[in-house]
Amino acid sequence: MHPFIRHGDVLELGLVDPSTVERGDVVCCRHRDDTLVAHRVVGVREEGGRVVLATKGDSTWYLDEPVSPGQVVGRVIAIHRGGRRLPLDGGLNRVTNRVRARMSAFGLQLYGILRIARHMVCCAADDLKAL
């Protein structure tokens, strides 16, 4: 989640009903290996009659494994950094978090395009070497 959440930050969690989680929220989830991870929700969908969250770190190019409601520990409502409390749960901050989620989803698409372009450039370079 760097640079949004930095090393040494303390996260303040609020209890959350998983059915109320929205795109842009930063949630803390317990993964299979029992580690806690705070990532941004980039999608919410229904699978087999239950809600499933798509989460992703802001600085990663890939989605996490789907998150079930039972894995959600809480919603990050504030970041404590350098003696200051930076709230995430109010007005403008909720809007900017949604924008960040949209940008993050765009990053996934961009990553796919860049991988294809890199492959094409590498293939072209190999063809030139063969000449």
N, C-alpha and C. Protein backbone atom coordinates (compact mmCIF):
# COMPACT_ATOMS: atom_id res chain seq x y z
N MET A 1 0.82 -1.20 0.00
CA MET A 1 0.00 0.00 0.00
C MET A 1 0.86 1.26 0.00
N HIS A 2 2.17 1.09 -0.05
CA HIS A 2 3.06 2.25 -0.09
C HIS A 2 2.81 3.01 -1.38
N PRO A 3 2.74 4.29 -1.41
CA PRO A 3 3.09 5.25 -0.37
C PRO A 3 1.90 5.67 0.51
N PHE A 4 0.71 5.14 0.22
CA PHE A 4 -0.47 5.53 1.00
C PHE A 4 -0.31 5.15 2.46
N ILE A 5 0.12 3.92 2.71
CA ILE A 5 0.43 3.47 4.06
C ILE A 5 1.93 3.22 4.08
N ARG A 6 2.61 3.81 5.05
CA ARG A 6 4.07 3.73 5.11
C ARG A 6 4.54 2.88 6.28
N HIS A 7 5.77 2.43 6.16
CA HIS A 7 6.38 1.67 7.25
C HIS A 7 6.35 2.52 8.52
N GLY A 8 5.88 1.93 9.62
CA GLY A 8 5.80 2.65 10.88
C GLY A 8 4.44 3.27 11.15
N ASP A 9 3.57 3.33 10.14
CA ASP A 9 2.21 3.84 10.36
C ASP A 9 1.45 2.87 11.25
N VAL A 10 0.54 3.41 12.04
CA VAL A 10 -0.36 2.59 12.86
C VAL A 10 -1.75 2.76 12.27
N LEU A 11 -2.40 1.64 11.97
CA LEU A 11 -3.73 1.66 11.36
C LEU A 11 -4.80 1.55 12.43
N GLU A 12 -5.80 2.40 12.32
CA GLU A 12 -6.96 2.34 13.21
C GLU A 12 -8.08 1.65 12.45
N LEU A 13 -8.55 0.54 13.01
CA LEU A 13 -9.59 -0.24 12.35
C LEU A 13 -10.94 0.00 12.99
N GLY A 14 -11.96 -0.03 12.17
CA GLY A 14 -13.33 0.04 12.66
C GLY A 14 -14.05 -1.24 12.29
N LEU A 15 -14.96 -1.67 13.13
CA LEU A 15 -15.76 -2.85 12.80
C LEU A 15 -16.57 -2.54 11.56
N VAL A 16 -16.74 -3.55 10.72
CA VAL A 16 -17.46 -3.34 9.47
C VAL A 16 -18.28 -4.57 9.14
N ASP A 17 -19.48 -4.33 8.67
CA ASP A 17 -20.30 -5.39 8.11
C ASP A 17 -19.79 -5.58 6.68
N PRO A 18 -19.26 -6.75 6.34
CA PRO A 18 -18.67 -6.94 5.01
C PRO A 18 -19.62 -6.60 3.86
N SER A 19 -20.92 -6.67 4.09
CA SER A 19 -21.86 -6.34 3.02
C SER A 19 -21.91 -4.83 2.74
N THR A 20 -21.32 -4.02 3.62
CA THR A 20 -21.31 -2.57 3.40
C THR A 20 -19.99 -2.06 2.82
N VAL A 21 -19.04 -2.97 2.61
CA VAL A 21 -17.74 -2.57 2.05
C VAL A 21 -17.93 -2.14 0.61
N GLU A 22 -17.27 -1.04 0.25
CA GLU A 22 -17.40 -0.48 -1.09
C GLU A 22 -16.04 -0.37 -1.76
N ARG A 23 -16.07 -0.25 -3.09
CA ARG A 23 -14.85 0.00 -3.84
C ARG A 23 -14.18 1.25 -3.29
N GLY A 24 -12.89 1.17 -3.05
CA GLY A 24 -12.14 2.30 -2.50
C GLY A 24 -11.83 2.16 -1.03
N ASP A 25 -12.63 1.37 -0.30
CA ASP A 25 -12.34 1.16 1.12
C ASP A 25 -11.02 0.42 1.28
N VAL A 26 -10.30 0.74 2.33
CA VAL A 26 -9.10 -0.02 2.69
C VAL A 26 -9.52 -0.93 3.83
N VAL A 27 -9.38 -2.23 3.62
CA VAL A 27 -9.80 -3.21 4.62
C VAL A 27 -8.61 -4.03 5.08
N CYS A 28 -8.70 -4.50 6.30
CA CYS A 28 -7.69 -5.39 6.86
C CYS A 28 -8.29 -6.79 6.81
N CYS A 29 -7.58 -7.72 6.17
CA CYS A 29 -8.08 -9.09 5.99
C CYS A 29 -7.08 -10.10 6.51
N ARG A 30 -7.61 -11.21 6.98
CA ARG A 30 -6.77 -12.32 7.42
C ARG A 30 -6.66 -13.30 6.26
N HIS A 31 -5.43 -13.54 5.81
CA HIS A 31 -5.21 -14.46 4.70
C HIS A 31 -5.02 -15.88 5.21
N ARG A 32 -4.94 -16.82 4.28
CA ARG A 32 -4.89 -18.24 4.64
C ARG A 32 -3.75 -18.59 5.57
N ASP A 33 -2.61 -17.92 5.41
CA ASP A 33 -1.46 -18.22 6.27
C ASP A 33 -1.53 -17.45 7.59
N ASP A 34 -2.70 -16.89 7.87
CA ASP A 34 -3.00 -16.18 9.13
C ASP A 34 -2.32 -14.81 9.24
N THR A 35 -1.78 -14.30 8.13
CA THR A 35 -1.22 -12.95 8.16
C THR A 35 -2.33 -11.92 7.94
N LEU A 36 -2.13 -10.75 8.50
CA LEU A 36 -3.08 -9.65 8.29
C LEU A 36 -2.54 -8.74 7.20
N VAL A 37 -3.39 -8.38 6.27
CA VAL A 37 -2.99 -7.52 5.16
C VAL A 37 -4.03 -6.42 5.00
N ALA A 38 -3.55 -5.19 4.86
CA ALA A 38 -4.44 -4.05 4.60
C ALA A 38 -4.28 -3.67 3.13
N HIS A 39 -5.33 -3.87 2.35
CA HIS A 39 -5.32 -3.54 0.93
C HIS A 39 -6.61 -2.83 0.55
N ARG A 40 -6.57 -2.16 -0.59
CA ARG A 40 -7.72 -1.42 -1.07
C ARG A 40 -8.68 -2.34 -1.83
N VAL A 41 -9.97 -2.13 -1.64
CA VAL A 41 -11.00 -2.88 -2.37
C VAL A 41 -11.15 -2.24 -3.75
N VAL A 42 -10.91 -3.04 -4.79
CA VAL A 42 -11.04 -2.54 -6.16
C VAL A 42 -12.27 -3.11 -6.84
N GLY A 43 -12.94 -4.05 -6.18
CA GLY A 43 -14.16 -4.61 -6.74
C GLY A 43 -14.94 -5.40 -5.70
N VAL A 44 -16.25 -5.39 -5.87
CA VAL A 44 -17.15 -6.16 -5.00
C VAL A 44 -18.10 -6.90 -5.93
N ARG A 45 -18.17 -8.21 -5.75
CA ARG A 45 -19.08 -8.98 -6.61
C ARG A 45 -19.76 -10.07 -5.78
N GLU A 46 -20.75 -10.69 -6.38
CA GLU A 46 -21.45 -11.78 -5.71
C GLU A 46 -21.09 -13.08 -6.41
N GLU A 47 -20.71 -14.06 -5.62
CA GLU A 47 -20.32 -15.37 -6.13
C GLU A 47 -21.04 -16.43 -5.32
N GLY A 48 -21.88 -17.20 -5.95
CA GLY A 48 -22.58 -18.26 -5.23
C GLY A 48 -23.46 -17.75 -4.10
N GLY A 49 -24.05 -16.57 -4.28
CA GLY A 49 -24.94 -16.01 -3.28
C GLY A 49 -24.24 -15.31 -2.12
N ARG A 50 -22.92 -15.11 -2.22
CA ARG A 50 -22.23 -14.39 -1.14
C ARG A 50 -21.31 -13.34 -1.75
N VAL A 51 -21.01 -12.35 -0.95
CA VAL A 51 -20.17 -11.23 -1.39
C VAL A 51 -18.70 -11.66 -1.38
N VAL A 52 -17.99 -11.30 -2.44
CA VAL A 52 -16.55 -11.57 -2.55
C VAL A 52 -15.88 -10.25 -2.91
N LEU A 53 -14.79 -9.94 -2.22
CA LEU A 53 -14.08 -8.70 -2.45
C LEU A 53 -12.82 -8.96 -3.28
N ALA A 54 -12.56 -8.06 -4.22
CA ALA A 54 -11.29 -8.06 -4.96
C ALA A 54 -10.44 -6.96 -4.32
N THR A 55 -9.28 -7.32 -3.80
CA THR A 55 -8.41 -6.36 -3.13
C THR A 55 -7.05 -6.34 -3.82
N LYS A 56 -6.35 -5.21 -3.62
CA LYS A 56 -5.06 -5.03 -4.27
C LYS A 56 -4.30 -3.96 -3.53
N GLY A 57 -3.01 -4.15 -3.37
CA GLY A 57 -2.16 -3.11 -2.82
C GLY A 57 -1.99 -2.01 -3.85
N ASP A 58 -1.88 -0.78 -3.41
CA ASP A 58 -1.77 0.35 -4.35
C ASP A 58 -0.52 0.26 -5.22
N SER A 59 0.55 -0.32 -4.70
CA SER A 59 1.80 -0.35 -5.47
C SER A 59 2.06 -1.70 -6.13
N THR A 60 1.06 -2.58 -6.15
CA THR A 60 1.23 -3.88 -6.80
C THR A 60 0.48 -3.89 -8.12
N TRP A 61 0.90 -4.79 -9.00
CA TRP A 61 0.29 -4.89 -10.33
C TRP A 61 -0.72 -6.02 -10.41
N TYR A 62 -0.99 -6.70 -9.33
CA TYR A 62 -1.86 -7.87 -9.40
C TYR A 62 -2.88 -7.85 -8.26
N LEU A 63 -3.98 -8.58 -8.48
CA LEU A 63 -5.01 -8.71 -7.46
C LEU A 63 -4.62 -9.77 -6.45
N ASP A 64 -5.10 -9.59 -5.22
CA ASP A 64 -4.95 -10.63 -4.20
C ASP A 64 -5.93 -11.76 -4.52
N GLU A 65 -5.81 -12.86 -3.79
CA GLU A 65 -6.83 -13.90 -3.88
C GLU A 65 -8.15 -13.30 -3.44
N PRO A 66 -9.28 -13.77 -3.99
CA PRO A 66 -10.58 -13.23 -3.56
C PRO A 66 -10.75 -13.32 -2.04
N VAL A 67 -11.35 -12.30 -1.46
CA VAL A 67 -11.53 -12.20 -0.01
C VAL A 67 -13.01 -12.46 0.32
N SER A 68 -13.24 -13.42 1.20
CA SER A 68 -14.61 -13.70 1.65
C SER A 68 -14.92 -12.82 2.85
N PRO A 69 -16.20 -12.59 3.14
CA PRO A 69 -16.58 -11.74 4.27
C PRO A 69 -15.98 -12.19 5.60
N GLY A 70 -15.81 -13.49 5.79
CA GLY A 70 -15.25 -14.00 7.04
C GLY A 70 -13.79 -13.63 7.26
N GLN A 71 -13.09 -13.25 6.20
CA GLN A 71 -11.68 -12.88 6.30
C GLN A 71 -11.49 -11.41 6.69
N VAL A 72 -12.54 -10.60 6.58
CA VAL A 72 -12.43 -9.17 6.85
C VAL A 72 -12.39 -8.94 8.36
N VAL A 73 -11.30 -8.34 8.83
CA VAL A 73 -11.13 -8.03 10.24
C VAL A 73 -11.73 -6.66 10.55
N GLY A 74 -11.57 -5.72 9.64
CA GLY A 74 -12.12 -4.38 9.83
C GLY A 74 -11.77 -3.46 8.68
N ARG A 75 -12.38 -2.29 8.69
CA ARG A 75 -12.09 -1.26 7.70
C ARG A 75 -11.09 -0.29 8.32
N VAL A 76 -10.09 0.12 7.56
CA VAL A 76 -9.13 1.09 8.06
C VAL A 76 -9.82 2.45 8.04
N ILE A 77 -10.00 3.04 9.23
CA ILE A 77 -10.71 4.32 9.31
C ILE A 77 -9.76 5.50 9.53
N ALA A 78 -8.51 5.19 9.89
CA ALA A 78 -7.52 6.27 10.07
C ALA A 78 -6.12 5.67 10.05
N ILE A 79 -5.18 6.52 9.66
CA ILE A 79 -3.76 6.18 9.71
C ILE A 79 -3.11 7.14 10.70
N HIS A 80 -2.36 6.60 11.64
CA HIS A 80 -1.62 7.43 12.61
C HIS A 80 -0.17 7.48 12.14
N ARG A 81 0.27 8.70 11.84
CA ARG A 81 1.62 8.88 11.29
C ARG A 81 2.25 10.12 11.92
N GLY A 82 3.39 9.93 12.53
CA GLY A 82 4.13 11.06 13.08
C GLY A 82 3.34 11.89 14.08
N GLY A 83 2.56 11.22 14.92
CA GLY A 83 1.78 11.92 15.93
C GLY A 83 0.48 12.54 15.41
N ARG A 84 0.18 12.34 14.14
CA ARG A 84 -1.06 12.88 13.56
C ARG A 84 -2.02 11.74 13.20
N ARG A 85 -3.30 12.04 13.28
CA ARG A 85 -4.33 11.09 12.88
C ARG A 85 -4.88 11.54 11.52
N LEU A 86 -4.73 10.68 10.51
CA LEU A 86 -5.21 10.98 9.16
C LEU A 86 -6.48 10.15 8.91
N PRO A 87 -7.66 10.77 9.02
CA PRO A 87 -8.91 10.01 8.87
C PRO A 87 -9.16 9.60 7.42
N LEU A 88 -9.74 8.42 7.24
CA LEU A 88 -10.08 7.92 5.91
C LEU A 88 -11.58 7.80 5.71
N ASP A 89 -12.33 7.94 6.77
CA ASP A 89 -13.75 7.59 6.71
C ASP A 89 -14.70 8.75 6.49
N GLY A 90 -14.20 9.92 6.14
CA GLY A 90 -15.11 11.04 5.98
C GLY A 90 -15.06 11.66 4.61
N GLY A 91 -16.16 12.23 4.18
CA GLY A 91 -16.37 13.02 2.98
C GLY A 91 -15.37 12.90 1.86
N LEU A 92 -14.49 13.89 1.77
CA LEU A 92 -13.54 13.97 0.66
C LEU A 92 -12.60 12.77 0.63
N ASN A 93 -12.22 12.26 1.79
CA ASN A 93 -11.33 11.10 1.83
C ASN A 93 -11.98 9.87 1.22
N ARG A 94 -13.28 9.69 1.42
CA ARG A 94 -13.99 8.54 0.82
C ARG A 94 -13.98 8.68 -0.70
N VAL A 95 -14.16 9.91 -1.18
CA VAL A 95 -14.16 10.15 -2.63
C VAL A 95 -12.78 9.86 -3.22
N THR A 96 -11.72 10.38 -2.59
CA THR A 96 -10.38 10.15 -3.12
C THR A 96 -10.00 8.67 -3.05
N ASN A 97 -10.49 7.94 -2.05
CA ASN A 97 -10.22 6.51 -1.99
C ASN A 97 -10.88 5.78 -3.15
N ARG A 98 -12.08 6.21 -3.54
CA ARG A 98 -12.75 5.59 -4.70
C ARG A 98 -11.97 5.89 -5.97
N VAL A 99 -11.46 7.11 -6.09
CA VAL A 99 -10.65 7.47 -7.25
C VAL A 99 -9.38 6.61 -7.30
N ARG A 100 -8.75 6.45 -6.16
CA ARG A 100 -7.55 5.59 -6.09
C ARG A 100 -7.87 4.16 -6.51
N ALA A 101 -9.04 3.66 -6.13
CA ALA A 101 -9.43 2.30 -6.52
C ALA A 101 -9.61 2.21 -8.03
N ARG A 102 -10.22 3.21 -8.62
CA ARG A 102 -10.40 3.22 -10.09
C ARG A 102 -9.04 3.27 -10.78
N MET A 103 -8.14 4.11 -10.26
CA MET A 103 -6.80 4.21 -10.84
C MET A 103 -6.06 2.89 -10.69
N SER A 104 -6.25 2.22 -9.57
CA SER A 104 -5.60 0.94 -9.32
C SER A 104 -6.10 -0.10 -10.32
N ALA A 105 -7.41 -0.11 -10.57
CA ALA A 105 -7.97 -1.04 -11.54
C ALA A 105 -7.44 -0.72 -12.94
N PHE A 106 -7.29 0.57 -13.26
CA PHE A 106 -6.71 0.97 -14.54
C PHE A 106 -5.27 0.48 -14.64
N GLY A 107 -4.55 0.52 -13.52
CA GLY A 107 -3.18 0.04 -13.49
C GLY A 107 -3.08 -1.43 -13.88
N LEU A 108 -4.08 -2.23 -13.47
CA LEU A 108 -4.09 -3.64 -13.86
C LEU A 108 -4.19 -3.78 -15.37
N GLN A 109 -5.05 -2.97 -15.99
CA GLN A 109 -5.20 -3.01 -17.44
C GLN A 109 -3.92 -2.53 -18.12
N LEU A 110 -3.35 -1.46 -17.59
CA LEU A 110 -2.11 -0.92 -18.14
C LEU A 110 -0.99 -1.96 -18.05
N TYR A 111 -0.93 -2.66 -16.93
CA TYR A 111 0.09 -3.70 -16.74
C TYR A 111 -0.02 -4.75 -17.84
N GLY A 112 -1.23 -5.18 -18.14
CA GLY A 112 -1.44 -6.17 -19.20
C GLY A 112 -0.96 -5.65 -20.54
N ILE A 113 -1.26 -4.39 -20.83
CA ILE A 113 -0.84 -3.79 -22.10
C ILE A 113 0.69 -3.70 -22.15
N LEU A 114 1.30 -3.28 -21.04
CA LEU A 114 2.76 -3.15 -21.01
C LEU A 114 3.46 -4.51 -21.16
N ARG A 115 2.88 -5.55 -20.60
CA ARG A 115 3.47 -6.89 -20.75
C ARG A 115 3.44 -7.32 -22.20
N ILE A 116 2.32 -7.06 -22.88
CA ILE A 116 2.21 -7.42 -24.30
C ILE A 116 3.22 -6.62 -25.12
N ALA A 117 3.31 -5.31 -24.84
CA ALA A 117 4.24 -4.45 -25.57
C ALA A 117 5.68 -4.91 -25.35
N ARG A 118 6.02 -5.26 -24.12
CA ARG A 118 7.38 -5.72 -23.81
C ARG A 118 7.70 -7.00 -24.58
N HIS A 119 6.72 -7.89 -24.62
CA HIS A 119 6.91 -9.15 -25.35
C HIS A 119 7.14 -8.86 -26.84
N MET A 120 6.39 -7.94 -27.40
CA MET A 120 6.54 -7.60 -28.81
C MET A 120 7.91 -6.99 -29.09
N VAL A 121 8.37 -6.11 -28.19
CA VAL A 121 9.68 -5.47 -28.36
C VAL A 121 10.78 -6.52 -28.26
N CYS A 122 10.68 -7.41 -27.29
CA CYS A 122 11.69 -8.46 -27.11
C CYS A 122 11.74 -9.37 -28.34
N CYS A 123 10.58 -9.72 -28.87
CA CYS A 123 10.53 -10.58 -30.06
C CYS A 123 11.15 -9.87 -31.26
N ALA A 124 10.85 -8.57 -31.41
CA ALA A 124 11.41 -7.79 -32.52
C ALA A 124 12.92 -7.69 -32.37
N ALA A 125 13.41 -7.51 -31.15
CA ALA A 125 14.86 -7.43 -30.92
C ALA A 125 15.53 -8.75 -31.26
N ASP A 126 14.89 -9.85 -30.89
CA ASP A 126 15.44 -11.17 -31.22
C ASP A 126 15.49 -11.37 -32.74
N ASP A 127 14.46 -10.91 -33.43
CA ASP A 127 14.42 -11.02 -34.90
C ASP A 127 15.55 -10.20 -35.52
N LEU A 128 15.83 -9.01 -34.97
CA LEU A 128 16.89 -8.17 -35.50
C LEU A 128 18.26 -8.82 -35.26
N LYS A 129 18.43 -9.45 -34.11
CA LYS A 129 19.70 -10.14 -33.81
C LYS A 129 19.95 -11.28 -34.79
N ALA A 130 18.88 -11.91 -35.23
CA ALA A 130 18.99 -13.04 -36.15
C ALA A 130 19.44 -12.61 -37.54
N LEU A 131 19.26 -11.34 -37.87
CA LEU A 131 19.65 -10.86 -39.21
C LEU A 131 21.09 -10.71 -39.35
